[in-house]
Amino acid sequence: MSGLTNAERRAQQQFSGGILVAIGGLMIFLCGSCTAYFLGSALQQLYRAHLTVPPEPSYRVGLAQTVAIVSIVVGGLPTTLGVVLLAIGVRTLRRARAPDRPSAPTEAGR
């Protein structure tokens, strides 16, 4: 055993779970909003390119497509990591707050 009491172990789990939730939430908020901004601007540029007459030059359409793909890859991976950290943190917090289950009586304890 590690020598920690149940209360100390729960406090440690609550602290680490809270840290994971905070880091995951910040990653989702910051990376997700940046990704949404760049992806939205690329999609808006693609939409405008199809509405204009005469059509937009092909380099603008290609640039918008590249920005959309890069924003999904570069921004989507840290956002996904933030979701995973948030989920692990919430799970850790729920385990720390769950009541202890009584242990089953042993043969010698009867």
PDB file of N, CA and C in Angstrom:
ATOM      1  N   MET A   1       0.832  -1.186   0.000  1.00  0.00           N
ATOM      2  CA  MET A   1       0.000   0.000   0.000  1.00  0.00           C
ATOM      3  C   MET A   1       0.875   1.248   0.000  1.00  0.00           C
ATOM      4  N   SER A   2       0.311   2.323  -0.390  1.00  0.00           N
ATOM      5  CA  SER A   2       1.067   3.565  -0.461  1.00  0.00           C
ATOM      6  C   SER A   2       1.059   4.324   0.856  1.00  0.00           C
ATOM      7  N   GLY A   3       0.310   3.893   1.828  1.00  0.00           N
ATOM      8  CA  GLY A   3       0.288   4.548   3.129  1.00  0.00           C
ATOM      9  C   GLY A   3      -0.669   5.719   3.219  1.00  0.00           C
ATOM     10  N   LEU A   4      -1.464   5.952   2.215  1.00  0.00           N
ATOM     11  CA  LEU A   4      -2.432   7.050   2.245  1.00  0.00           C
ATOM     12  C   LEU A   4      -3.754   6.560   2.807  1.00  0.00           C
ATOM     13  N   THR A   5      -4.381   7.406   3.575  1.00  0.00           N
ATOM     14  CA  THR A   5      -5.716   7.072   4.054  1.00  0.00           C
ATOM     15  C   THR A   5      -6.711   7.312   2.939  1.00  0.00           C
ATOM     16  N   ASN A   6      -7.941   6.872   3.150  1.00  0.00           N
ATOM     17  CA  ASN A   6      -8.982   7.082   2.140  1.00  0.00           C
ATOM     18  C   ASN A   6      -9.224   8.562   1.888  1.00  0.00           C
ATOM     19  N   ALA A   7      -9.228   9.351   2.947  1.00  0.00           N
ATOM     20  CA  ALA A   7      -9.461  10.792   2.789  1.00  0.00           C
ATOM     21  C   ALA A   7      -8.335  11.450   2.007  1.00  0.00           C
ATOM     22  N   GLU A   8      -7.102  11.052   2.282  1.00  0.00           N
ATOM     23  CA  GLU A   8      -5.969  11.617   1.542  1.00  0.00           C
ATOM     24  C   GLU A   8      -5.999  11.194   0.078  1.00  0.00           C
ATOM     25  N   ARG A   9      -6.363   9.949  -0.171  1.00  0.00           N
ATOM     26  CA  ARG A   9      -6.445   9.455  -1.543  1.00  0.00           C
ATOM     27  C   ARG A   9      -7.543  10.195  -2.305  1.00  0.00           C
ATOM     28  N   ARG A  10      -8.676  10.414  -1.656  1.00  0.00           N
ATOM     29  CA  ARG A  10      -9.768  11.158  -2.313  1.00  0.00           C
ATOM     30  C   ARG A  10      -9.364  12.587  -2.610  1.00  0.00           C
ATOM     31  N   ALA A  11      -8.676  13.226  -1.655  1.00  0.00           N
ATOM     32  CA  ALA A  11      -8.227  14.603  -1.874  1.00  0.00           C
ATOM     33  C   ALA A  11      -7.256  14.667  -3.047  1.00  0.00           C
ATOM     34  N   GLN A  12      -6.373  13.684  -3.135  1.00  0.00           N
ATOM     35  CA  GLN A  12      -5.423  13.638  -4.242  1.00  0.00           C
ATOM     36  C   GLN A  12      -6.148  13.426  -5.568  1.00  0.00           C
ATOM     37  N   GLN A  13      -7.145  12.553  -5.591  1.00  0.00           N
ATOM     38  CA  GLN A  13      -7.912  12.313  -6.815  1.00  0.00           C
ATOM     39  C   GLN A  13      -8.717  13.550  -7.206  1.00  0.00           C
ATOM     40  N   GLN A  14      -9.289  14.237  -6.231  1.00  0.00           N
ATOM     41  CA  GLN A  14     -10.059  15.443  -6.541  1.00  0.00           C
ATOM     42  C   GLN A  14      -9.152  16.528  -7.105  1.00  0.00           C
ATOM     43  N   PHE A  15      -7.958  16.664  -6.530  1.00  0.00           N
ATOM     44  CA  PHE A  15      -7.029  17.674  -7.025  1.00  0.00           C
ATOM     45  C   PHE A  15      -6.592  17.363  -8.456  1.00  0.00           C
ATOM     46  N   SER A  16      -6.164  16.121  -8.698  1.00  0.00           N
ATOM     47  CA  SER A  16      -5.705  15.778 -10.050  1.00  0.00           C
ATOM     48  C   SER A  16      -6.855  15.806 -11.051  1.00  0.00           C
ATOM     49  N   GLY A  17      -8.048  15.398 -10.634  1.00  0.00           N
ATOM     50  CA  GLY A  17      -9.207  15.490 -11.520  1.00  0.00           C
ATOM     51  C   GLY A  17      -9.557  16.927 -11.853  1.00  0.00           C
ATOM     52  N   GLY A  18      -9.470  17.807 -10.860  1.00  0.00           N
ATOM     53  CA  GLY A  18      -9.738  19.227 -11.096  1.00  0.00           C
ATOM     54  C   GLY A  18      -8.735  19.859 -12.037  1.00  0.00           C
ATOM     55  N   ILE A  19      -7.460  19.476 -11.886  1.00  0.00           N
ATOM     56  CA  ILE A  19      -6.423  19.985 -12.793  1.00  0.00           C
ATOM     57  C   ILE A  19      -6.691  19.526 -14.223  1.00  0.00           C
ATOM     58  N   LEU A  20      -7.045  18.250 -14.389  1.00  0.00           N
ATOM     59  CA  LEU A  20      -7.328  17.727 -15.730  1.00  0.00           C
ATOM     60  C   LEU A  20      -8.537  18.419 -16.354  1.00  0.00           C
ATOM     61  N   VAL A  21      -9.565  18.669 -15.549  1.00  0.00           N
ATOM     62  CA  VAL A  21     -10.754  19.361 -16.063  1.00  0.00           C
ATOM     63  C   VAL A  21     -10.394  20.783 -16.482  1.00  0.00           C
ATOM     64  N   ALA A  22      -9.591  21.469 -15.668  1.00  0.00           N
ATOM     65  CA  ALA A  22      -9.207  22.849 -15.999  1.00  0.00           C
ATOM     66  C   ALA A  22      -8.374  22.907 -17.278  1.00  0.00           C
ATOM     67  N   ILE A  23      -7.382  22.036 -17.388  1.00  0.00           N
ATOM     68  CA  ILE A  23      -6.521  22.037 -18.580  1.00  0.00           C
ATOM     69  C   ILE A  23      -7.333  21.643 -19.814  1.00  0.00           C
ATOM     70  N   GLY A  24      -8.158  20.606 -19.686  1.00  0.00           N
ATOM     71  CA  GLY A  24      -8.977  20.178 -20.819  1.00  0.00           C
ATOM     72  C   GLY A  24      -9.957  21.253 -21.256  1.00  0.00           C
ATOM     73  N   GLY A  25     -10.580  21.914 -20.289  1.00  0.00           N
ATOM     74  CA  GLY A  25     -11.516  22.993 -20.623  1.00  0.00           C
ATOM     75  C   GLY A  25     -10.839  24.152 -21.324  1.00  0.00           C
ATOM     76  N   LEU A  26      -9.662  24.527 -20.844  1.00  0.00           N
ATOM     77  CA  LEU A  26      -8.918  25.604 -21.504  1.00  0.00           C
ATOM     78  C   LEU A  26      -8.504  25.214 -22.918  1.00  0.00           C
ATOM     79  N   MET A  27      -8.060  23.971 -23.090  1.00  0.00           N
ATOM     80  CA  MET A  27      -7.670  23.531 -24.430  1.00  0.00           C
ATOM     81  C   MET A  27      -8.862  23.533 -25.377  1.00  0.00           C
ATOM     82  N   ILE A  28     -10.003  23.069 -24.888  1.00  0.00           N
ATOM     83  CA  ILE A  28     -11.201  23.063 -25.735  1.00  0.00           C
ATOM     84  C   ILE A  28     -11.588  24.488 -26.102  1.00  0.00           C
ATOM     85  N   PHE A  29     -11.582  25.376 -25.117  1.00  0.00           N
ATOM     86  CA  PHE A  29     -12.003  26.756 -25.371  1.00  0.00           C
ATOM     87  C   PHE A  29     -11.043  27.478 -26.307  1.00  0.00           C
ATOM     88  N   LEU A  30      -9.747  27.420 -26.002  1.00  0.00           N
ATOM     89  CA  LEU A  30      -8.782  28.189 -26.790  1.00  0.00           C
ATOM     90  C   LEU A  30      -8.534  27.576 -28.161  1.00  0.00           C
ATOM     91  N   CYS A  31      -8.234  26.289 -28.201  1.00  0.00           N
ATOM     92  CA  CYS A  31      -7.958  25.650 -29.494  1.00  0.00           C
ATOM     93  C   CYS A  31      -9.222  25.540 -30.335  1.00  0.00           C
ATOM     94  N   GLY A  32     -10.335  25.233 -29.685  1.00  0.00           N
ATOM     95  CA  GLY A  32     -11.594  25.091 -30.408  1.00  0.00           C
ATOM     96  C   GLY A  32     -12.081  26.393 -31.015  1.00  0.00           C
ATOM     97  N   SER A  33     -11.946  27.498 -30.267  1.00  0.00           N
ATOM     98  CA  SER A  33     -12.397  28.784 -30.812  1.00  0.00           C
ATOM     99  C   SER A  33     -11.498  29.237 -31.952  1.00  0.00           C
ATOM    100  N   CYS A  34     -10.207  29.008 -31.842  1.00  0.00           N
ATOM    101  CA  CYS A  34      -9.291  29.365 -32.927  1.00  0.00           C
ATOM    102  C   CYS A  34      -9.584  28.523 -34.170  1.00  0.00           C
ATOM    103  N   THR A  35      -9.793  27.234 -33.966  1.00  0.00           N
ATOM    104  CA  THR A  35     -10.115  26.344 -35.079  1.00  0.00           C
ATOM    105  C   THR A  35     -11.421  26.768 -35.736  1.00  0.00           C
ATOM    106  N   ALA A  36     -12.418  27.077 -34.932  1.00  0.00           N
ATOM    107  CA  ALA A  36     -13.713  27.498 -35.477  1.00  0.00           C
ATOM    108  C   ALA A  36     -13.584  28.798 -36.271  1.00  0.00           C
ATOM    109  N   TYR A  37     -12.769  29.728 -35.794  1.00  0.00           N
ATOM    110  CA  TYR A  37     -12.580  30.991 -36.500  1.00  0.00           C
ATOM    111  C   TYR A  37     -11.944  30.761 -37.871  1.00  0.00           C
ATOM    112  N   PHE A  38     -10.830  30.036 -37.897  1.00  0.00           N
ATOM    113  CA  PHE A  38     -10.138  29.825 -39.170  1.00  0.00           C
ATOM    114  C   PHE A  38     -10.952  28.948 -40.125  1.00  0.00           C
ATOM    115  N   LEU A  39     -11.606  27.933 -39.597  1.00  0.00           N
ATOM    116  CA  LEU A  39     -12.429  27.085 -40.446  1.00  0.00           C
ATOM    117  C   LEU A  39     -13.618  27.871 -40.993  1.00  0.00           C
ATOM    118  N   GLY A  40     -14.217  28.682 -40.140  1.00  0.00           N
ATOM    119  CA  GLY A  40     -15.348  29.511 -40.583  1.00  0.00           C
ATOM    120  C   GLY A  40     -14.941  30.515 -41.645  1.00  0.00           C
ATOM    121  N   SER A  41     -13.780  31.145 -41.474  1.00  0.00           N
ATOM    122  CA  SER A  41     -13.341  32.108 -42.488  1.00  0.00           C
ATOM    123  C   SER A  41     -12.998  31.415 -43.802  1.00  0.00           C
ATOM    124  N   ALA A  42     -12.431  30.207 -43.736  1.00  0.00           N
ATOM    125  CA  ALA A  42     -12.128  29.467 -44.971  1.00  0.00           C
ATOM    126  C   ALA A  42     -13.413  29.049 -45.675  1.00  0.00           C
ATOM    127  N   LEU A  43     -14.390  28.568 -44.908  1.00  0.00           N
ATOM    128  CA  LEU A  43     -15.668  28.185 -45.523  1.00  0.00           C
ATOM    129  C   LEU A  43     -16.391  29.389 -46.106  1.00  0.00           C
ATOM    130  N   GLN A  44     -16.294  30.532 -45.429  1.00  0.00           N
ATOM    131  CA  GLN A  44     -16.913  31.755 -45.955  1.00  0.00           C
ATOM    132  C   GLN A  44     -16.243  32.164 -47.267  1.00  0.00           C
ATOM    133  N   GLN A  45     -14.930  32.052 -47.335  1.00  0.00           N
ATOM    134  CA  GLN A  45     -14.221  32.378 -48.574  1.00  0.00           C
ATOM    135  C   GLN A  45     -14.620  31.432 -49.699  1.00  0.00           C
ATOM    136  N   LEU A  46     -14.767  30.147 -49.392  1.00  0.00           N
ATOM    137  CA  LEU A  46     -15.208  29.187 -50.409  1.00  0.00           C
ATOM    138  C   LEU A  46     -16.620  29.508 -50.879  1.00  0.00           C
ATOM    139  N   TYR A  47     -17.492  29.897 -49.951  1.00  0.00           N
ATOM    140  CA  TYR A  47     -18.869  30.240 -50.310  1.00  0.00           C
ATOM    141  C   TYR A  47     -18.897  31.474 -51.203  1.00  0.00           C
ATOM    142  N   ARG A  48     -18.098  32.474 -50.855  1.00  0.00           N
ATOM    143  CA  ARG A  48     -18.042  33.691 -51.673  1.00  0.00           C
ATOM    144  C   ARG A  48     -17.477  33.406 -53.062  1.00  0.00           C
ATOM    145  N   ALA A  49     -16.516  32.500 -53.133  1.00  0.00           N
ATOM    146  CA  ALA A  49     -15.886  32.193 -54.417  1.00  0.00           C
ATOM    147  C   ALA A  49     -16.879  31.576 -55.390  1.00  0.00           C
ATOM    148  N   HIS A  50     -17.854  30.844 -54.869  1.00  0.00           N
ATOM    149  CA  HIS A  50     -18.841  30.213 -55.750  1.00  0.00           C
ATOM    150  C   HIS A  50     -19.973  31.162 -56.125  1.00  0.00           C
ATOM    151  N   LEU A  51     -20.119  32.261 -55.400  1.00  0.00           N
ATOM    152  CA  LEU A  51     -21.194  33.206 -55.702  1.00  0.00           C
ATOM    153  C   LEU A  51     -20.778  34.311 -56.662  1.00  0.00           C
ATOM    154  N   THR A  52     -19.491  34.578 -56.761  1.00  0.00           N
ATOM    155  CA  THR A  52     -19.046  35.702 -57.578  1.00  0.00           C
ATOM    156  C   THR A  52     -19.086  35.367 -59.065  1.00  0.00           C
ATOM    157  N   VAL A  53     -19.375  36.402 -59.836  1.00  0.00           N
ATOM    158  CA  VAL A  53     -19.364  36.263 -61.292  1.00  0.00           C
ATOM    159  C   VAL A  53     -18.480  37.385 -61.812  1.00  0.00           C
ATOM    160  N   PRO A  54     -17.442  37.150 -62.499  1.00  0.00           N
ATOM    161  CA  PRO A  54     -16.834  35.882 -62.873  1.00  0.00           C
ATOM    162  C   PRO A  54     -16.262  35.183 -61.634  1.00  0.00           C
ATOM    163  N   PRO A  55     -16.044  33.883 -61.750  1.00  0.00           N
ATOM    164  CA  PRO A  55     -15.565  33.117 -60.597  1.00  0.00           C
ATOM    165  C   PRO A  55     -14.214  33.630 -60.077  1.00  0.00           C
ATOM    166  N   GLU A  56     -14.011  33.387 -58.789  1.00  0.00           N
ATOM    167  CA  GLU A  56     -12.745  33.772 -58.159  1.00  0.00           C
ATOM    168  C   GLU A  56     -11.596  33.023 -58.815  1.00  0.00           C
ATOM    169  N   PRO A  57     -10.409  33.613 -58.786  1.00  0.00           N
ATOM    170  CA  PRO A  57      -9.252  32.875 -59.302  1.00  0.00           C
ATOM    171  C   PRO A  57      -9.035  31.590 -58.506  1.00  0.00           C
ATOM    172  N   SER A  58      -8.480  30.606 -59.167  1.00  0.00           N
ATOM    173  CA  SER A  58      -8.348  29.284 -58.546  1.00  0.00           C
ATOM    174  C   SER A  58      -7.399  29.289 -57.355  1.00  0.00           C
ATOM    175  N   TYR A  59      -6.441  30.232 -57.322  1.00  0.00           N
ATOM    176  CA  TYR A  59      -5.520  30.231 -56.187  1.00  0.00           C
ATOM    177  C   TYR A  59      -6.232  30.614 -54.893  1.00  0.00           C
ATOM    178  N   ARG A  60      -7.251  31.441 -54.975  1.00  0.00           N
ATOM    179  CA  ARG A  60      -7.998  31.795 -53.762  1.00  0.00           C
ATOM    180  C   ARG A  60      -8.817  30.615 -53.255  1.00  0.00           C
ATOM    181  N   VAL A  61      -9.403  29.889 -54.153  1.00  0.00           N
ATOM    182  CA  VAL A  61     -10.166  28.707 -53.754  1.00  0.00           C
ATOM    183  C   VAL A  61      -9.223  27.667 -53.158  1.00  0.00           C
ATOM    184  N   GLY A  62      -8.075  27.467 -53.795  1.00  0.00           N
ATOM    185  CA  GLY A  62      -7.094  26.516 -53.270  1.00  0.00           C
ATOM    186  C   GLY A  62      -6.563  26.927 -51.914  1.00  0.00           C
ATOM    187  N   LEU A  63      -6.358  28.234 -51.724  1.00  0.00           N
ATOM    188  CA  LEU A  63      -5.883  28.722 -50.431  1.00  0.00           C
ATOM    189  C   LEU A  63      -6.942  28.492 -49.348  1.00  0.00           C
ATOM    190  N   ALA A  64      -8.188  28.744 -49.675  1.00  0.00           N
ATOM    191  CA  ALA A  64      -9.267  28.534 -48.705  1.00  0.00           C
ATOM    192  C   ALA A  64      -9.393  27.053 -48.347  1.00  0.00           C
ATOM    193  N   GLN A  65      -9.251  26.179 -49.333  1.00  0.00           N
ATOM    194  CA  GLN A  65      -9.303  24.749 -49.055  1.00  0.00           C
ATOM    195  C   GLN A  65      -8.132  24.324 -48.179  1.00  0.00           C
ATOM    196  N   THR A  66      -6.956  24.856 -48.449  1.00  0.00           N
ATOM    197  CA  THR A  66      -5.777  24.528 -47.656  1.00  0.00           C
ATOM    198  C   THR A  66      -5.939  25.015 -46.218  1.00  0.00           C
ATOM    199  N   VAL A  67      -6.434  26.226 -46.040  1.00  0.00           N
ATOM    200  CA  VAL A  67      -6.649  26.764 -44.699  1.00  0.00           C
ATOM    201  C   VAL A  67      -7.668  25.908 -43.944  1.00  0.00           C
ATOM    202  N   ALA A  68      -8.717  25.461 -44.613  1.00  0.00           N
ATOM    203  CA  ALA A  68      -9.725  24.621 -43.959  1.00  0.00           C
ATOM    204  C   ALA A  68      -9.116  23.294 -43.505  1.00  0.00           C
ATOM    205  N   ILE A  69      -8.349  22.664 -44.362  1.00  0.00           N
ATOM    206  CA  ILE A  69      -7.747  21.371 -44.013  1.00  0.00           C
ATOM    207  C   ILE A  69      -6.714  21.529 -42.905  1.00  0.00           C
ATOM    208  N   VAL A  70      -5.867  22.537 -43.004  1.00  0.00           N
ATOM    209  CA  VAL A  70      -4.833  22.752 -41.992  1.00  0.00           C
ATOM    210  C   VAL A  70      -5.461  23.113 -40.649  1.00  0.00           C
ATOM    211  N   SER A  71      -6.519  23.910 -40.660  1.00  0.00           N
ATOM    212  CA  SER A  71      -7.148  24.270 -39.388  1.00  0.00           C
ATOM    213  C   SER A  71      -7.797  23.070 -38.723  1.00  0.00           C
ATOM    214  N   ILE A  72      -8.328  22.155 -39.505  1.00  0.00           N
ATOM    215  CA  ILE A  72      -8.907  20.941 -38.921  1.00  0.00           C
ATOM    216  C   ILE A  72      -7.805  20.074 -38.311  1.00  0.00           C
ATOM    217  N   VAL A  73      -6.687  19.917 -39.022  1.00  0.00           N
ATOM    218  CA  VAL A  73      -5.609  19.060 -38.522  1.00  0.00           C
ATOM    219  C   VAL A  73      -4.883  19.724 -37.350  1.00  0.00           C
ATOM    220  N   VAL A  74      -4.437  20.958 -37.541  1.00  0.00           N
ATOM    221  CA  VAL A  74      -3.629  21.630 -36.522  1.00  0.00           C
ATOM    222  C   VAL A  74      -4.472  22.019 -35.306  1.00  0.00           C
ATOM    223  N   GLY A  75      -5.694  22.432 -35.507  1.00  0.00           N
ATOM    224  CA  GLY A  75      -6.536  22.830 -34.379  1.00  0.00           C
ATOM    225  C   GLY A  75      -7.395  21.714 -33.845  1.00  0.00           C
ATOM    226  N   GLY A  76      -7.721  20.752 -34.689  1.00  0.00           N
ATOM    227  CA  GLY A  76      -8.603  19.674 -34.254  1.00  0.00           C
ATOM    228  C   GLY A  76      -7.936  18.689 -33.317  1.00  0.00           C
ATOM    229  N   LEU A  77      -6.659  18.433 -33.511  1.00  0.00           N
ATOM    230  CA  LEU A  77      -5.953  17.481 -32.649  1.00  0.00           C
ATOM    231  C   LEU A  77      -5.842  17.971 -31.204  1.00  0.00           C
ATOM    232  N   PRO A  78      -5.400  19.218 -30.954  1.00  0.00           N
ATOM    233  CA  PRO A  78      -5.366  19.664 -29.560  1.00  0.00           C
ATOM    234  C   PRO A  78      -6.758  19.814 -28.949  1.00  0.00           C
ATOM    235  N   THR A  79      -7.746  20.151 -29.767  1.00  0.00           N
ATOM    236  CA  THR A  79      -9.107  20.235 -29.248  1.00  0.00           C
ATOM    237  C   THR A  79      -9.596  18.855 -28.830  1.00  0.00           C
ATOM    238  N   THR A  80      -9.297  17.848 -29.628  1.00  0.00           N
ATOM    239  CA  THR A  80      -9.661  16.475 -29.277  1.00  0.00           C
ATOM    240  C   THR A  80      -8.929  16.022 -28.020  1.00  0.00           C
ATOM    241  N   LEU A  81      -7.659  16.377 -27.896  1.00  0.00           N
ATOM    242  CA  LEU A  81      -6.905  16.058 -26.685  1.00  0.00           C
ATOM    243  C   LEU A  81      -7.529  16.733 -25.468  1.00  0.00           C
ATOM    244  N   GLY A  82      -8.008  17.959 -25.633  1.00  0.00           N
ATOM    245  CA  GLY A  82      -8.691  18.655 -24.546  1.00  0.00           C
ATOM    246  C   GLY A  82      -9.969  17.943 -24.128  1.00  0.00           C
ATOM    247  N   VAL A  83     -10.709  17.421 -25.095  1.00  0.00           N
ATOM    248  CA  VAL A  83     -11.927  16.661 -24.783  1.00  0.00           C
ATOM    249  C   VAL A  83     -11.578  15.398 -24.001  1.00  0.00           C
ATOM    250  N   VAL A  84     -10.496  14.730 -24.405  1.00  0.00           N
ATOM    251  CA  VAL A  84     -10.071  13.510 -23.706  1.00  0.00           C
ATOM    252  C   VAL A  84      -9.639  13.840 -22.279  1.00  0.00           C
ATOM    253  N   LEU A  85      -8.846  14.894 -22.100  1.00  0.00           N
ATOM    254  CA  LEU A  85      -8.429  15.290 -20.754  1.00  0.00           C
ATOM    255  C   LEU A  85      -9.620  15.673 -19.885  1.00  0.00           C
ATOM    256  N   LEU A  86     -10.577  16.370 -20.457  1.00  0.00           N
ATOM    257  CA  LEU A  86     -11.779  16.748 -19.711  1.00  0.00           C
ATOM    258  C   LEU A  86     -12.557  15.513 -19.279  1.00  0.00           C
ATOM    259  N   ALA A  87     -12.698  14.547 -20.168  1.00  0.00           N
ATOM    260  CA  ALA A  87     -13.436  13.327 -19.837  1.00  0.00           C
ATOM    261  C   ALA A  87     -12.727  12.528 -18.744  1.00  0.00           C
ATOM    262  N   ILE A  88     -11.404  12.432 -18.834  1.00  0.00           N
ATOM    263  CA  ILE A  88     -10.647  11.711 -17.802  1.00  0.00           C
ATOM    264  C   ILE A  88     -10.758  12.439 -16.466  1.00  0.00           C
ATOM    265  N   GLY A  89     -10.692  13.765 -16.501  1.00  0.00           N
ATOM    266  CA  GLY A  89     -10.807  14.539 -15.270  1.00  0.00           C
ATOM    267  C   GLY A  89     -12.167  14.393 -14.614  1.00  0.00           C
ATOM    268  N   VAL A  90     -13.230  14.424 -15.405  1.00  0.00           N
ATOM    269  CA  VAL A  90     -14.577  14.249 -14.851  1.00  0.00           C
ATOM    270  C   VAL A  90     -14.725  12.850 -14.263  1.00  0.00           C
ATOM    271  N   ARG A  91     -14.188  11.861 -14.948  1.00  0.00           N
ATOM    272  CA  ARG A  91     -14.256  10.487 -14.443  1.00  0.00           C
ATOM    273  C   ARG A  91     -13.490  10.345 -13.123  1.00  0.00           C
ATOM    274  N   THR A  92     -12.340  10.992 -13.034  1.00  0.00           N
ATOM    275  CA  THR A  92     -11.551  10.956 -11.807  1.00  0.00           C
ATOM    276  C   THR A  92     -12.296  11.648 -10.669  1.00  0.00           C
ATOM    277  N   LEU A  93     -12.932  12.772 -10.966  1.00  0.00           N
ATOM    278  CA  LEU A  93     -13.699  13.478  -9.935  1.00  0.00           C
ATOM    279  C   LEU A  93     -14.885  12.646  -9.457  1.00  0.00           C
ATOM    280  N   ARG A  94     -15.556  11.969 -10.366  1.00  0.00           N
ATOM    281  CA  ARG A  94     -16.701  11.134  -9.963  1.00  0.00           C
ATOM    282  C   ARG A  94     -16.250   9.971  -9.089  1.00  0.00           C
ATOM    283  N   ARG A  95     -15.111   9.387  -9.424  1.00  0.00           N
ATOM    284  CA  ARG A  95     -14.593   8.283  -8.594  1.00  0.00           C
ATOM    285  C   ARG A  95     -14.214   8.778  -7.204  1.00  0.00           C
ATOM    286  N   ALA A  96     -13.658   9.979  -7.143  1.00  0.00           N
ATOM    287  CA  ALA A  96     -13.226  10.512  -5.848  1.00  0.00           C
ATOM    288  C   ALA A  96     -14.425  10.857  -4.968  1.00  0.00           C
ATOM    289  N   ARG A  97     -15.529  11.235  -5.552  1.00  0.00           N
ATOM    290  CA  ARG A  97     -16.705  11.629  -4.784  1.00  0.00           C
ATOM    291  C   ARG A  97     -17.657  10.475  -4.501  1.00  0.00           C
ATOM    292  N   ALA A  98     -17.411   9.327  -5.130  1.00  0.00           N
ATOM    293  CA  ALA A  98     -18.280   8.172  -4.909  1.00  0.00           C
ATOM    294  C   ALA A  98     -18.060   7.634  -3.499  1.00  0.00           C
ATOM    295  N   PRO A  99     -19.129   7.223  -2.836  1.00  0.00           N
ATOM    296  CA  PRO A  99     -18.952   6.673  -1.484  1.00  0.00           C
ATOM    297  C   PRO A  99     -18.220   5.340  -1.536  1.00  0.00           C
ATOM    298  N   ASP A 100     -17.526   5.053  -0.455  1.00  0.00           N
ATOM    299  CA  ASP A 100     -16.814   3.770  -0.374  1.00  0.00           C
ATOM    300  C   ASP A 100     -17.805   2.634  -0.324  1.00  0.00           C
ATOM    301  N   ARG A 101     -17.464   1.570  -1.022  1.00  0.00           N
ATOM    302  CA  ARG A 101     -18.298   0.364  -0.949  1.00  0.00           C
ATOM    303  C   ARG A 101     -17.828  -0.456   0.244  1.00  0.00           C
ATOM    304  N   PRO A 102     -18.766  -0.948   1.007  1.00  0.00           N
ATOM    305  CA  PRO A 102     -18.329  -1.785   2.139  1.00  0.00           C
ATOM    306  C   PRO A 102     -17.676  -3.057   1.619  1.00  0.00           C
ATOM    307  N   SER A 103     -16.612  -3.436   2.280  1.00  0.00           N
ATOM    308  CA  SER A 103     -15.916  -4.645   1.836  1.00  0.00           C
ATOM    309  C   SER A 103     -16.706  -5.869   2.262  1.00  0.00           C
ATOM    310  N   ALA A 104     -16.598  -6.905   1.473  1.00  0.00           N
ATOM    311  CA  ALA A 104     -17.319  -8.165   1.764  1.00  0.00           C
ATOM    312  C   ALA A 104     -16.680  -8.820   2.982  1.00  0.00           C
ATOM    313  N   PRO A 105     -17.508  -9.396   3.847  1.00  0.00           N
ATOM    314  CA  PRO A 105     -16.928 -10.047   5.024  1.00  0.00           C
ATOM    315  C   PRO A 105     -16.114 -11.278   4.608  1.00  0.00           C
ATOM    316  N   THR A 106     -15.051 -11.491   5.304  1.00  0.00           N
ATOM    317  CA  THR A 106     -14.192 -12.639   5.020  1.00  0.00           C
ATOM    318  C   THR A 106     -14.621 -13.810   5.912  1.00  0.00           C
ATOM    319  N   GLU A 107     -14.076 -14.954   5.629  1.00  0.00           N
ATOM    320  CA  GLU A 107     -14.396 -16.141   6.432  1.00  0.00           C
ATOM    321  C   GLU A 107     -13.969 -15.975   7.884  1.00  0.00           C
ATOM    322  N   ALA A 108     -12.803 -15.343   8.105  1.00  0.00           N
ATOM    323  CA  ALA A 108     -12.295 -15.186   9.455  1.00  0.00           C
ATOM    324  C   ALA A 108     -13.087 -14.138  10.222  1.00  0.00           C
ATOM    325  N   GLY A 109     -13.738 -13.222   9.518  1.00  0.00           N
ATOM    326  CA  GLY A 109     -14.481 -12.149  10.168  1.00  0.00           C
ATOM    327  C   GLY A 109     -15.851 -12.559  10.639  1.00  0.00           C
ATOM    328  N   ARG A 110     -16.304 -13.747  10.377  1.00  0.00           N
ATOM    329  CA  ARG A 110     -17.664 -14.160  10.774  1.00  0.00           C
ATOM    330  C   ARG A 110     -17.730 -14.531  12.177  1.00  0.00           C
TER     331      ARG A 110
END
